[in-house]
Structure formats: C-alpha cells, structure tokens
C-alpha cells in the first residue's frame, strides 16, 4: 500500500484527526526510493501527521499512534507589549 493510500485509510479511520486546514504531513522515503528519480514510490516510508491534537505516526495499515512530542506554537510570551 503506498503512502497516499495509507493517509486516505487513516483519514477514514480517524476523521477527528483530520479537520480541514490544520494538518501537516511528513513523508520520509528511503534513500533508494524511486520517488527521487522521477518514478513511483517503491519503499514503505515513515509517515507522521501533526494536527491540533498532537503528532501521530501513521502505520502501514493506516492506524495512528500518538507520539510524545509537543506542537510548536506561534505564541511568543516575550512579545507581550
């Protein structure tokens, strides 16, 4: 299953993690993957998504597991003047 199919499956399984406009997706392909030479993806890349609910790893079966990381914020407490 390619990474786009994994993302679609994860979205169907966990719609609460995919609200419009609040998603960042990181796909990390293997160095030897065909995607880097203009071909189709032929690896099983690492896929993570970051939403307002946190950062999640997306498994090969489209399951989402929350990672223990904080979400960066644009709020700068030193700039309260």
PDB file of N, CA and C in Angstrom:
ATOM      1  N   UNK A   1       0.860  -1.173   0.000  1.00  0.00           N
ATOM      2  CA  UNK A   1       0.000   0.000   0.000  1.00  0.00           C
ATOM      3  C   UNK A   1       0.906   1.236   0.000  1.00  0.00           C
ATOM      4  N   UNK A   2       0.671   2.146  -0.934  1.00  0.00           N
ATOM      5  CA  UNK A   2       1.512   3.344  -0.981  1.00  0.00           C
ATOM      6  C   UNK A   2       1.096   4.348   0.093  1.00  0.00           C
ATOM      7  N   UNK A   3       1.924   5.374   0.270  1.00  0.00           N
ATOM      8  CA  UNK A   3       1.699   6.310   1.376  1.00  0.00           C
ATOM      9  C   UNK A   3       0.426   7.140   1.197  1.00  0.00           C
ATOM     10  N   UNK A   4       0.016   7.421  -0.030  1.00  0.00           N
ATOM     11  CA  UNK A   4      -1.226   8.186  -0.205  1.00  0.00           C
ATOM     12  C   UNK A   4      -2.439   7.351   0.191  1.00  0.00           C
ATOM     13  N   UNK A   5      -2.398   6.063  -0.105  1.00  0.00           N
ATOM     14  CA  UNK A   5      -3.472   5.160   0.310  1.00  0.00           C
ATOM     15  C   UNK A   5      -3.492   5.029   1.826  1.00  0.00           C
ATOM     16  N   UNK A   6      -2.310   4.975   2.458  1.00  0.00           N
ATOM     17  CA  UNK A   6      -2.230   4.917   3.925  1.00  0.00           C
ATOM     18  C   UNK A   6      -2.868   6.150   4.547  1.00  0.00           C
ATOM     19  N   UNK A   7      -2.585   7.321   3.984  1.00  0.00           N
ATOM     20  CA  UNK A   7      -3.156   8.559   4.524  1.00  0.00           C
ATOM     21  C   UNK A   7      -4.677   8.564   4.365  1.00  0.00           C
ATOM     22  N   UNK A   8      -5.174   8.131   3.214  1.00  0.00           N
ATOM     23  CA  UNK A   8      -6.623   8.080   2.996  1.00  0.00           C
ATOM     24  C   UNK A   8      -7.288   7.117   3.971  1.00  0.00           C
ATOM     25  N   UNK A   9      -6.656   5.972   4.211  1.00  0.00           N
ATOM     26  CA  UNK A   9      -7.190   4.995   5.160  1.00  0.00           C
ATOM     27  C   UNK A   9      -7.194   5.569   6.575  1.00  0.00           C
ATOM     28  N   UNK A  10      -6.104   6.229   6.966  1.00  0.00           N
ATOM     29  CA  UNK A  10      -6.033   6.846   8.298  1.00  0.00           C
ATOM     30  C   UNK A  10      -7.119   7.902   8.458  1.00  0.00           C
ATOM     31  N   UNK A  11      -7.352   8.673   7.413  1.00  0.00           N
ATOM     32  CA  UNK A  11      -8.387   9.712   7.486  1.00  0.00           C
ATOM     33  C   UNK A  11      -9.776   9.100   7.664  1.00  0.00           C
ATOM     34  N   UNK A  12     -10.034   7.970   7.012  1.00  0.00           N
ATOM     35  CA  UNK A  12     -11.330   7.297   7.183  1.00  0.00           C
ATOM     36  C   UNK A  12     -11.460   6.691   8.582  1.00  0.00           C
ATOM     37  N   UNK A  13     -10.366   6.138   9.116  1.00  0.00           N
ATOM     38  CA  UNK A  13     -10.400   5.513  10.434  1.00  0.00           C
ATOM     39  C   UNK A  13     -10.465   6.531  11.573  1.00  0.00           C
ATOM     40  N   UNK A  14      -9.793   7.670  11.397  1.00  0.00           N
ATOM     41  CA  UNK A  14      -9.670   8.665  12.463  1.00  0.00           C
ATOM     42  C   UNK A  14     -10.018  10.067  11.945  1.00  0.00           C
ATOM     43  N   UNK A  15     -11.262  10.293  11.531  1.00  0.00           N
ATOM     44  CA  UNK A  15     -11.621  11.592  10.944  1.00  0.00           C
ATOM     45  C   UNK A  15     -11.411  12.771  11.893  1.00  0.00           C
ATOM     46  N   UNK A  16     -11.464  12.515  13.201  1.00  0.00           N
ATOM     47  CA  UNK A  16     -11.272  13.598  14.174  1.00  0.00           C
ATOM     48  C   UNK A  16      -9.847  14.158  14.140  1.00  0.00           C
ATOM     49  N   UNK A  17      -8.894  13.418  13.576  1.00  0.00           N
ATOM     50  CA  UNK A  17      -7.515  13.896  13.477  1.00  0.00           C
ATOM     51  C   UNK A  17      -7.264  14.712  12.217  1.00  0.00           C
ATOM     52  N   UNK A  18      -8.237  14.776  11.331  1.00  0.00           N
ATOM     53  CA  UNK A  18      -8.049  15.415  10.042  1.00  0.00           C
ATOM     54  C   UNK A  18      -9.024  16.565   9.780  1.00  0.00           C
ATOM     55  N   UNK A  19      -9.124  17.523  10.701  1.00  0.00           N
ATOM     56  CA  UNK A  19     -10.009  18.661  10.416  1.00  0.00           C
ATOM     57  C   UNK A  19      -9.408  19.518   9.296  1.00  0.00           C
ATOM     58  N   UNK A  20     -10.231  20.181   8.518  1.00  0.00           N
ATOM     59  CA  UNK A  20      -9.721  21.000   7.416  1.00  0.00           C
ATOM     60  C   UNK A  20      -8.754  22.090   7.902  1.00  0.00           C
ATOM     61  N   UNK A  21      -7.673  22.254   7.181  1.00  0.00           N
ATOM     62  CA  UNK A  21      -6.761  23.357   7.420  1.00  0.00           C
ATOM     63  C   UNK A  21      -5.837  23.248   8.614  1.00  0.00           C
ATOM     64  N   UNK A  22      -5.748  22.109   9.252  1.00  0.00           N
ATOM     65  CA  UNK A  22      -4.891  22.032  10.442  1.00  0.00           C
ATOM     66  C   UNK A  22      -4.027  20.776  10.425  1.00  0.00           C
ATOM     67  N   UNK A  23      -3.481  20.447   9.271  1.00  0.00           N
ATOM     68  CA  UNK A  23      -2.733  19.210   9.143  1.00  0.00           C
ATOM     69  C   UNK A  23      -1.384  19.461   8.477  1.00  0.00           C
ATOM     70  N   UNK A  24      -0.346  18.884   9.076  1.00  0.00           N
ATOM     71  CA  UNK A  24       0.963  18.855   8.451  1.00  0.00           C
ATOM     72  C   UNK A  24       1.340  17.389   8.312  1.00  0.00           C
ATOM     73  N   UNK A  25       1.801  17.000   7.143  1.00  0.00           N
ATOM     74  CA  UNK A  25       2.156  15.606   6.892  1.00  0.00           C
ATOM     75  C   UNK A  25       3.616  15.544   6.468  1.00  0.00           C
ATOM     76  N   UNK A  26       4.361  14.621   7.071  1.00  0.00           N
ATOM     77  CA  UNK A  26       5.757  14.416   6.726  1.00  0.00           C
ATOM     78  C   UNK A  26       5.920  12.978   6.253  1.00  0.00           C
ATOM     79  N   UNK A  27       6.393  12.819   5.014  1.00  0.00           N
ATOM     80  CA  UNK A  27       6.642  11.501   4.437  1.00  0.00           C
ATOM     81  C   UNK A  27       8.146  11.385   4.223  1.00  0.00           C
ATOM     82  N   UNK A  28       8.761  10.424   4.896  1.00  0.00           N
ATOM     83  CA  UNK A  28      10.210  10.239   4.801  1.00  0.00           C
ATOM     84  C   UNK A  28      10.507   8.947   4.037  1.00  0.00           C
ATOM     85  N   UNK A  29      10.855   9.119   2.758  1.00  0.00           N
ATOM     86  CA  UNK A  29      11.165   7.983   1.892  1.00  0.00           C
ATOM     87  C   UNK A  29      12.576   7.476   2.154  1.00  0.00           C
ATOM     88  N   UNK A  30      12.806   6.194   1.854  1.00  0.00           N
ATOM     89  CA  UNK A  30      14.151   5.630   1.931  1.00  0.00           C
ATOM     90  C   UNK A  30      15.013   6.282   0.843  1.00  0.00           C
ATOM     91  N   UNK A  31      16.321   6.357   1.062  1.00  0.00           N
ATOM     92  CA  UNK A  31      17.230   6.999   0.105  1.00  0.00           C
ATOM     93  C   UNK A  31      17.171   6.367  -1.276  1.00  0.00           C
ATOM     94  N   UNK A  32      16.893   5.084  -1.348  1.00  0.00           N
ATOM     95  CA  UNK A  32      16.880   4.365  -2.614  1.00  0.00           C
ATOM     96  C   UNK A  32      15.523   4.375  -3.310  1.00  0.00           C
ATOM     97  N   UNK A  33      14.531   5.040  -2.730  1.00  0.00           N
ATOM     98  CA  UNK A  33      13.166   5.037  -3.266  1.00  0.00           C
ATOM     99  C   UNK A  33      13.122   5.631  -4.676  1.00  0.00           C
ATOM    100  N   UNK A  34      12.298   5.049  -5.513  1.00  0.00           N
ATOM    101  CA  UNK A  34      12.132   5.520  -6.884  1.00  0.00           C
ATOM    102  C   UNK A  34      11.609   6.940  -6.990  1.00  0.00           C
ATOM    103  N   UNK A  35      10.978   7.440  -5.953  1.00  0.00           N
ATOM    104  CA  UNK A  35      10.401   8.788  -5.995  1.00  0.00           C
ATOM    105  C   UNK A  35      11.474   9.855  -6.244  1.00  0.00           C
ATOM    106  N   UNK A  36      12.714   9.558  -5.851  1.00  0.00           N
ATOM    107  CA  UNK A  36      13.801  10.521  -6.021  1.00  0.00           C
ATOM    108  C   UNK A  36      14.384  10.520  -7.434  1.00  0.00           C
ATOM    109  N   UNK A  37      13.981   9.554  -8.253  1.00  0.00           N
ATOM    110  CA  UNK A  37      14.453   9.517  -9.638  1.00  0.00           C
ATOM    111  C   UNK A  37      13.294   9.657 -10.622  1.00  0.00           C
ATOM    112  N   UNK A  38      12.185  10.263 -10.155  1.00  0.00           N
ATOM    113  CA  UNK A  38      11.044  10.516 -11.036  1.00  0.00           C
ATOM    114  C   UNK A  38      10.143   9.318 -11.258  1.00  0.00           C
ATOM    115  N   UNK A  39      10.331   8.268 -10.489  1.00  0.00           N
ATOM    116  CA  UNK A  39       9.488   7.076 -10.614  1.00  0.00           C
ATOM    117  C   UNK A  39       8.485   7.065  -9.473  1.00  0.00           C
ATOM    118  N   UNK A  40       7.725   5.981  -9.380  1.00  0.00           N
ATOM    119  CA  UNK A  40       6.764   5.863  -8.284  1.00  0.00           C
ATOM    120  C   UNK A  40       7.482   5.423  -7.019  1.00  0.00           C
ATOM    121  N   UNK A  41       6.860   5.687  -5.891  1.00  0.00           N
ATOM    122  CA  UNK A  41       7.400   5.275  -4.593  1.00  0.00           C
ATOM    123  C   UNK A  41       7.412   3.751  -4.531  1.00  0.00           C
ATOM    124  N   UNK A  42       8.574   3.189  -4.198  1.00  0.00           N
ATOM    125  CA  UNK A  42       8.683   1.736  -4.076  1.00  0.00           C
ATOM    126  C   UNK A  42       9.268   1.336  -2.718  1.00  0.00           C
ATOM    127  N   UNK A  43       9.073   2.204  -1.718  1.00  0.00           N
ATOM    128  CA  UNK A  43       9.505   1.894  -0.358  1.00  0.00           C
ATOM    129  C   UNK A  43       8.293   1.994   0.572  1.00  0.00           C
ATOM    130  N   UNK A  44       8.498   1.738   1.830  1.00  0.00           N
ATOM    131  CA  UNK A  44       7.456   1.937   2.831  1.00  0.00           C
ATOM    132  C   UNK A  44       7.941   3.089   3.710  1.00  0.00           C
ATOM    133  N   UNK A  45       7.599   4.327   3.323  1.00  0.00           N
ATOM    134  CA  UNK A  45       8.128   5.480   4.037  1.00  0.00           C
ATOM    135  C   UNK A  45       7.530   5.645   5.423  1.00  0.00           C
ATOM    136  N   UNK A  46       8.266   6.363   6.245  1.00  0.00           N
ATOM    137  CA  UNK A  46       7.763   6.757   7.553  1.00  0.00           C
ATOM    138  C   UNK A  46       6.818   7.940   7.327  1.00  0.00           C
ATOM    139  N   UNK A  47       5.608   7.859   7.889  1.00  0.00           N
ATOM    140  CA  UNK A  47       4.615   8.921   7.710  1.00  0.00           C
ATOM    141  C   UNK A  47       4.186   9.435   9.080  1.00  0.00           C
ATOM    142  N   UNK A  48       4.289  10.737   9.279  1.00  0.00           N
ATOM    143  CA  UNK A  48       3.784  11.356  10.504  1.00  0.00           C
ATOM    144  C   UNK A  48       2.884  12.518  10.134  1.00  0.00           C
ATOM    145  N   UNK A  49       1.870  12.733  10.949  1.00  0.00           N
ATOM    146  CA  UNK A  49       0.981  13.877  10.782  1.00  0.00           C
ATOM    147  C   UNK A  49       0.986  14.686  12.069  1.00  0.00           C
ATOM    148  N   UNK A  50       0.862  15.981  11.921  1.00  0.00           N
ATOM    149  CA  UNK A  50       0.750  16.865  13.071  1.00  0.00           C
ATOM    150  C   UNK A  50      -0.543  17.646  12.925  1.00  0.00           C
ATOM    151  N   UNK A  51      -1.388  17.573  13.950  1.00  0.00           N
ATOM    152  CA  UNK A  51      -2.665  18.283  13.961  1.00  0.00           C
ATOM    153  C   UNK A  51      -2.766  19.070  15.261  1.00  0.00           C
ATOM    154  N   UNK A  52      -3.879  19.716  15.457  1.00  0.00           N
ATOM    155  CA  UNK A  52      -4.102  20.428  16.711  1.00  0.00           C
ATOM    156  C   UNK A  52      -4.169  19.466  17.900  1.00  0.00           C
ATOM    157  N   UNK A  53      -4.394  18.182  17.628  1.00  0.00           N
ATOM    158  CA  UNK A  53      -4.473  17.173  18.699  1.00  0.00           C
ATOM    159  C   UNK A  53      -3.126  16.530  18.998  1.00  0.00           C
ATOM    160  N   UNK A  54      -2.081  16.880  18.258  1.00  0.00           N
ATOM    161  CA  UNK A  54      -0.749  16.342  18.507  1.00  0.00           C
ATOM    162  C   UNK A  54      -0.106  15.779  17.267  1.00  0.00           C
ATOM    163  N   UNK A  55       0.991  15.052  17.495  1.00  0.00           N
ATOM    164  CA  UNK A  55       1.750  14.440  16.407  1.00  0.00           C
ATOM    165  C   UNK A  55       1.530  12.940  16.446  1.00  0.00           C
ATOM    166  N   UNK A  56       1.268  12.341  15.263  1.00  0.00           N
ATOM    167  CA  UNK A  56       0.913  10.934  15.173  1.00  0.00           C
ATOM    168  C   UNK A  56       1.721  10.238  14.083  1.00  0.00           C
ATOM    169  N   UNK A  57       2.140   9.011  14.359  1.00  0.00           N
ATOM    170  CA  UNK A  57       2.746   8.151  13.347  1.00  0.00           C
ATOM    171  C   UNK A  57       1.615   7.388  12.676  1.00  0.00           C
ATOM    172  N   UNK A  58       1.692   7.257  11.352  1.00  0.00           N
ATOM    173  CA  UNK A  58       0.679   6.514  10.599  1.00  0.00           C
ATOM    174  C   UNK A  58       1.295   5.184  10.180  1.00  0.00           C
ATOM    175  N   UNK A  59       0.700   4.083  10.652  1.00  0.00           N
ATOM    176  CA  UNK A  59       1.238   2.751  10.377  1.00  0.00           C
ATOM    177  C   UNK A  59       0.946   2.316   8.942  1.00  0.00           C
ATOM    178  N   UNK A  60       1.512   1.170   8.570  1.00  0.00           N
ATOM    179  CA  UNK A  60       1.288   0.601   7.240  1.00  0.00           C
ATOM    180  C   UNK A  60      -0.175   0.281   7.001  1.00  0.00           C
ATOM    181  N   UNK A  61      -0.941   0.085   8.081  1.00  0.00           N
ATOM    182  CA  UNK A  61      -2.360  -0.248   7.965  1.00  0.00           C
ATOM    183  C   UNK A  61      -3.265   0.966   8.170  1.00  0.00           C
ATOM    184  N   UNK A  62      -2.677   2.159   8.246  1.00  0.00           N
ATOM    185  CA  UNK A  62      -3.473   3.370   8.410  1.00  0.00           C
ATOM    186  C   UNK A  62      -3.859   3.693   9.837  1.00  0.00           C
ATOM    187  N   UNK A  63      -3.285   2.981  10.802  1.00  0.00           N
ATOM    188  CA  UNK A  63      -3.565   3.289  12.203  1.00  0.00           C
ATOM    189  C   UNK A  63      -2.676   4.444  12.650  1.00  0.00           C
ATOM    190  N   UNK A  64      -3.186   5.259  13.564  1.00  0.00           N
ATOM    191  CA  UNK A  64      -2.458   6.426  14.054  1.00  0.00           C
ATOM    192  C   UNK A  64      -2.082   6.223  15.515  1.00  0.00           C
ATOM    193  N   UNK A  65      -0.798   6.430  15.818  1.00  0.00           N
ATOM    194  CA  UNK A  65      -0.290   6.297  17.182  1.00  0.00           C
ATOM    195  C   UNK A  65       0.294   7.642  17.593  1.00  0.00           C
ATOM    196  N   UNK A  66      -0.199   8.174  18.714  1.00  0.00           N
ATOM    197  CA  UNK A  66       0.262   9.470  19.185  1.00  0.00           C
ATOM    198  C   UNK A  66       1.722   9.387  19.623  1.00  0.00           C
ATOM    199  N   UNK A  67       2.500  10.373  19.177  1.00  0.00           N
ATOM    200  CA  UNK A  67       3.906  10.462  19.557  1.00  0.00           C
ATOM    201  C   UNK A  67       4.048  11.421  20.720  1.00  0.00           C
ATOM    202  N   UNK A  68       5.045  11.216  21.540  1.00  0.00           N
ATOM    203  CA  UNK A  68       5.276  12.066  22.707  1.00  0.00           C
ATOM    204  C   UNK A  68       6.096  13.284  22.327  1.00  0.00           C
ATOM    205  N   UNK A  69       5.489  14.188  21.580  1.00  0.00           N
ATOM    206  CA  UNK A  69       6.160  15.413  21.179  1.00  0.00           C
ATOM    207  C   UNK A  69       5.199  16.575  21.347  1.00  0.00           C
ATOM    208  N   UNK A  70       5.743  17.726  21.591  1.00  0.00           N
ATOM    209  CA  UNK A  70       4.902  18.909  21.715  1.00  0.00           C
ATOM    210  C   UNK A  70       4.764  19.586  20.366  1.00  0.00           C
ATOM    211  N   UNK A  71       3.694  20.331  20.220  1.00  0.00           N
ATOM    212  CA  UNK A  71       3.443  21.069  18.989  1.00  0.00           C
ATOM    213  C   UNK A  71       4.022  22.474  19.133  1.00  0.00           C
ATOM    214  N   UNK A  72       4.854  22.907  18.188  1.00  0.00           N
ATOM    215  CA  UNK A  72       5.362  24.273  18.268  1.00  0.00           C
ATOM    216  C   UNK A  72       4.218  25.278  18.180  1.00  0.00           C
ATOM    217  N   UNK A  73       4.374  26.387  18.830  1.00  0.00           N
ATOM    218  CA  UNK A  73       3.333  27.405  18.815  1.00  0.00           C
ATOM    219  C   UNK A  73       3.888  28.719  18.282  1.00  0.00           C
ATOM    220  N   UNK A  74       3.023  29.561  17.752  1.00  0.00           N
ATOM    221  CA  UNK A  74       3.460  30.863  17.259  1.00  0.00           C
ATOM    222  C   UNK A  74       3.370  31.915  18.358  1.00  0.00           C
ATOM    223  N   UNK A  75       2.865  31.527  19.523  1.00  0.00           N
ATOM    224  CA  UNK A  75       2.755  32.453  20.646  1.00  0.00           C
ATOM    225  C   UNK A  75       4.127  32.688  21.256  1.00  0.00           C
ATOM    226  N   UNK A  76       4.538  33.936  21.340  1.00  0.00           N
ATOM    227  CA  UNK A  76       5.841  34.291  21.912  1.00  0.00           C
ATOM    228  C   UNK A  76       5.580  35.055  23.199  1.00  0.00           C
ATOM    229  N   UNK A  77       5.762  34.433  24.374  1.00  0.00           N
ATOM    230  CA  UNK A  77       5.468  35.109  25.644  1.00  0.00           C
ATOM    231  C   UNK A  77       6.378  36.301  25.896  1.00  0.00           C
ATOM    232  N   UNK A  78       7.499  36.390  25.229  1.00  0.00           N
ATOM    233  CA  UNK A  78       8.398  37.535  25.401  1.00  0.00           C
ATOM    234  C   UNK A  78       7.969  38.752  24.603  1.00  0.00           C
ATOM    235  N   UNK A  79       6.897  38.616  23.861  1.00  0.00           N
ATOM    236  CA  UNK A  79       6.450  39.694  22.972  1.00  0.00           C
ATOM    237  C   UNK A  79       5.060  40.179  23.390  1.00  0.00           C
ATOM    238  N   UNK A  80       4.862  40.449  24.677  1.00  0.00           N
ATOM    239  CA  UNK A  80       3.543  40.814  25.202  1.00  0.00           C
ATOM    240  C   UNK A  80       3.369  42.322  25.412  1.00  0.00           C
ATOM    241  N   UNK A  81       4.099  43.136  24.736  1.00  0.00           N
ATOM    242  CA  UNK A  81       3.977  44.583  24.938  1.00  0.00           C
ATOM    243  C   UNK A  81       2.883  45.178  24.124  1.00  0.00           C
TER     244      UNK A  81
END
